[in-house]
């Protein structure tokens, strides 16, 4: 606290906050998909690539 004048007091605060992650981020589901070459050729306009691809949540949360 700091008295700038007789009628004015200046206060400040600092906080470090830790919050829980969203529930959807806690889910460690993982997904692997396989795209055939013929399917990828038909969907070339949508940048579809043949082969395996995967995604998933962060299992380290």
N, C-alpha and C. Protein backbone atom coordinates (compact mmCIF):
# COMPACT_ATOMS: atom_id res chain seq x y z
N UNK A 1 0.84 -1.16 0.00
CA UNK A 1 0.00 0.00 0.00
C UNK A 1 0.90 1.24 0.00
N UNK A 2 0.51 2.22 -0.77
CA UNK A 2 1.31 3.43 -0.88
C UNK A 2 0.38 4.64 -0.84
N UNK A 3 0.67 5.58 0.01
CA UNK A 3 -0.12 6.80 0.12
C UNK A 3 0.41 7.82 -0.87
N UNK A 4 -0.34 8.02 -1.97
CA UNK A 4 0.07 9.01 -2.96
C UNK A 4 -0.19 10.42 -2.43
N UNK A 5 -1.33 10.63 -1.83
CA UNK A 5 -1.69 11.90 -1.17
C UNK A 5 -2.45 11.54 0.10
N UNK A 6 -2.90 12.53 0.83
CA UNK A 6 -3.67 12.26 2.04
C UNK A 6 -5.01 11.60 1.74
N UNK A 7 -5.55 11.85 0.54
CA UNK A 7 -6.86 11.30 0.17
C UNK A 7 -6.78 10.14 -0.82
N UNK A 8 -5.59 9.77 -1.27
CA UNK A 8 -5.45 8.75 -2.31
C UNK A 8 -4.46 7.67 -1.86
N UNK A 9 -4.94 6.45 -1.85
CA UNK A 9 -4.11 5.28 -1.49
C UNK A 9 -4.03 4.37 -2.70
N UNK A 10 -2.84 3.95 -3.07
CA UNK A 10 -2.64 3.05 -4.21
C UNK A 10 -2.30 1.66 -3.68
N UNK A 11 -3.04 0.68 -4.17
CA UNK A 11 -2.81 -0.71 -3.79
C UNK A 11 -2.58 -1.53 -5.04
N UNK A 12 -1.84 -2.61 -4.90
CA UNK A 12 -1.60 -3.51 -6.02
C UNK A 12 -1.57 -4.95 -5.54
N UNK A 13 -1.79 -5.86 -6.46
CA UNK A 13 -1.77 -7.28 -6.12
C UNK A 13 -1.29 -8.08 -7.33
N UNK A 14 -0.64 -9.18 -7.04
CA UNK A 14 -0.17 -10.10 -8.08
C UNK A 14 -0.63 -11.50 -7.68
N UNK A 15 -1.10 -12.27 -8.65
CA UNK A 15 -1.56 -13.62 -8.36
C UNK A 15 -1.11 -14.57 -9.46
N UNK A 16 -0.81 -15.79 -9.08
CA UNK A 16 -0.53 -16.85 -10.03
C UNK A 16 -1.61 -17.90 -9.83
N UNK A 17 -2.38 -18.16 -10.88
CA UNK A 17 -3.55 -19.02 -10.76
C UNK A 17 -3.33 -20.28 -11.57
N UNK A 18 -3.66 -21.42 -10.97
CA UNK A 18 -3.61 -22.70 -11.66
C UNK A 18 -5.04 -23.24 -11.69
N UNK A 19 -5.52 -23.56 -12.88
CA UNK A 19 -6.88 -24.08 -12.99
C UNK A 19 -6.85 -25.49 -13.58
N UNK A 20 -7.94 -26.18 -13.39
CA UNK A 20 -8.06 -27.54 -13.93
C UNK A 20 -8.28 -27.49 -15.44
N UNK A 21 -7.78 -28.46 -16.17
CA UNK A 21 -8.03 -28.48 -17.61
C UNK A 21 -9.49 -28.83 -17.91
N UNK A 22 -9.94 -28.53 -19.11
CA UNK A 22 -11.29 -28.89 -19.52
C UNK A 22 -11.43 -30.41 -19.52
N UNK A 23 -12.65 -30.89 -19.30
CA UNK A 23 -12.87 -32.33 -19.27
C UNK A 23 -12.52 -33.00 -20.59
N UNK A 24 -12.78 -32.32 -21.69
CA UNK A 24 -12.48 -32.90 -23.00
C UNK A 24 -10.97 -33.09 -23.19
N UNK A 25 -10.17 -32.24 -22.53
CA UNK A 25 -8.72 -32.38 -22.62
C UNK A 25 -8.20 -33.54 -21.77
N UNK A 26 -8.96 -33.95 -20.78
CA UNK A 26 -8.54 -35.05 -19.92
C UNK A 26 -8.75 -36.41 -20.58
N UNK A 27 -9.57 -36.46 -21.59
CA UNK A 27 -9.86 -37.73 -22.26
C UNK A 27 -8.64 -38.14 -23.07
N UNK A 28 -8.18 -39.34 -22.83
CA UNK A 28 -6.98 -39.81 -23.52
C UNK A 28 -7.32 -40.71 -24.70
N UNK A 29 -8.49 -40.49 -25.29
CA UNK A 29 -8.84 -41.33 -26.43
C UNK A 29 -7.92 -41.02 -27.60
N UNK A 30 -7.59 -42.05 -28.33
CA UNK A 30 -6.73 -41.89 -29.49
C UNK A 30 -7.41 -42.55 -30.67
N UNK A 31 -7.20 -41.99 -31.84
CA UNK A 31 -7.86 -42.47 -33.04
C UNK A 31 -6.83 -42.65 -34.14
N UNK A 32 -6.88 -43.80 -34.79
CA UNK A 32 -6.02 -44.08 -35.94
C UNK A 32 -6.93 -44.44 -37.11
N UNK A 33 -6.70 -43.80 -38.24
CA UNK A 33 -7.48 -44.09 -39.43
C UNK A 33 -6.56 -44.45 -40.58
N UNK A 34 -7.10 -45.22 -41.49
CA UNK A 34 -6.34 -45.61 -42.68
C UNK A 34 -7.15 -45.21 -43.91
N UNK A 35 -6.50 -44.54 -44.85
CA UNK A 35 -7.15 -44.09 -46.08
C UNK A 35 -6.55 -44.87 -47.24
N UNK A 36 -7.40 -45.54 -48.02
CA UNK A 36 -6.95 -46.27 -49.19
C UNK A 36 -6.51 -45.31 -50.29
N UNK A 37 -5.62 -45.76 -51.14
CA UNK A 37 -5.14 -44.93 -52.23
C UNK A 37 -6.23 -44.51 -53.19
N UNK A 38 -7.15 -45.44 -53.49
CA UNK A 38 -8.26 -45.12 -54.41
C UNK A 38 -9.15 -44.03 -53.82
N UNK A 39 -9.41 -44.13 -52.53
CA UNK A 39 -10.24 -43.11 -51.85
C UNK A 39 -9.53 -41.76 -51.90
N UNK A 40 -8.23 -41.75 -51.66
CA UNK A 40 -7.48 -40.50 -51.66
C UNK A 40 -7.46 -39.88 -53.06
N UNK A 41 -7.39 -40.71 -54.10
CA UNK A 41 -7.41 -40.17 -55.46
C UNK A 41 -8.75 -39.52 -55.77
N UNK A 42 -9.84 -40.13 -55.30
CA UNK A 42 -11.17 -39.54 -55.51
C UNK A 42 -11.34 -38.23 -54.74
N UNK A 43 -10.64 -38.10 -53.62
CA UNK A 43 -10.78 -36.91 -52.76
C UNK A 43 -9.55 -35.99 -52.86
N UNK A 44 -8.86 -36.01 -53.98
CA UNK A 44 -7.65 -35.20 -54.15
C UNK A 44 -7.94 -33.71 -54.02
N UNK A 45 -9.13 -33.29 -54.39
CA UNK A 45 -9.50 -31.86 -54.29
C UNK A 45 -9.56 -31.41 -52.83
N UNK A 46 -9.73 -32.37 -51.90
CA UNK A 46 -9.82 -32.04 -50.47
C UNK A 46 -8.51 -32.32 -49.74
N UNK A 47 -7.41 -32.51 -50.48
CA UNK A 47 -6.08 -32.77 -49.93
C UNK A 47 -6.04 -34.04 -49.07
N UNK A 48 -6.80 -35.04 -49.47
CA UNK A 48 -6.80 -36.33 -48.78
C UNK A 48 -5.53 -37.09 -49.16
N UNK A 49 -4.83 -37.62 -48.17
CA UNK A 49 -3.59 -38.36 -48.41
C UNK A 49 -3.79 -39.82 -48.04
N UNK A 50 -3.22 -40.75 -48.84
CA UNK A 50 -3.34 -42.16 -48.49
C UNK A 50 -2.44 -42.53 -47.32
N UNK A 51 -2.83 -43.57 -46.59
CA UNK A 51 -2.00 -44.07 -45.50
C UNK A 51 -2.66 -43.87 -44.14
N UNK A 52 -1.87 -44.09 -43.10
CA UNK A 52 -2.34 -43.98 -41.73
C UNK A 52 -2.23 -42.55 -41.21
N UNK A 53 -3.18 -42.16 -40.39
CA UNK A 53 -3.11 -40.88 -39.68
C UNK A 53 -3.77 -41.08 -38.33
N UNK A 54 -3.43 -40.24 -37.39
CA UNK A 54 -3.99 -40.41 -36.05
C UNK A 54 -4.07 -39.10 -35.30
N UNK A 55 -4.87 -39.13 -34.24
CA UNK A 55 -5.01 -37.98 -33.36
C UNK A 55 -5.46 -38.48 -32.00
N UNK A 56 -5.37 -37.63 -31.00
CA UNK A 56 -5.81 -38.04 -29.67
C UNK A 56 -5.62 -36.94 -28.65
N UNK A 57 -6.14 -37.19 -27.46
CA UNK A 57 -6.01 -36.24 -26.37
C UNK A 57 -4.64 -36.32 -25.72
N UNK A 58 -4.41 -35.48 -24.74
CA UNK A 58 -3.15 -35.45 -24.02
C UNK A 58 -3.25 -36.38 -22.81
N UNK A 59 -2.68 -37.57 -22.90
CA UNK A 59 -2.78 -38.54 -21.82
C UNK A 59 -1.90 -38.18 -20.62
N UNK A 60 -1.10 -37.15 -20.73
CA UNK A 60 -0.23 -36.73 -19.63
C UNK A 60 -0.89 -35.72 -18.69
N UNK A 61 -2.13 -35.34 -18.96
CA UNK A 61 -2.82 -34.38 -18.08
C UNK A 61 -3.30 -35.06 -16.84
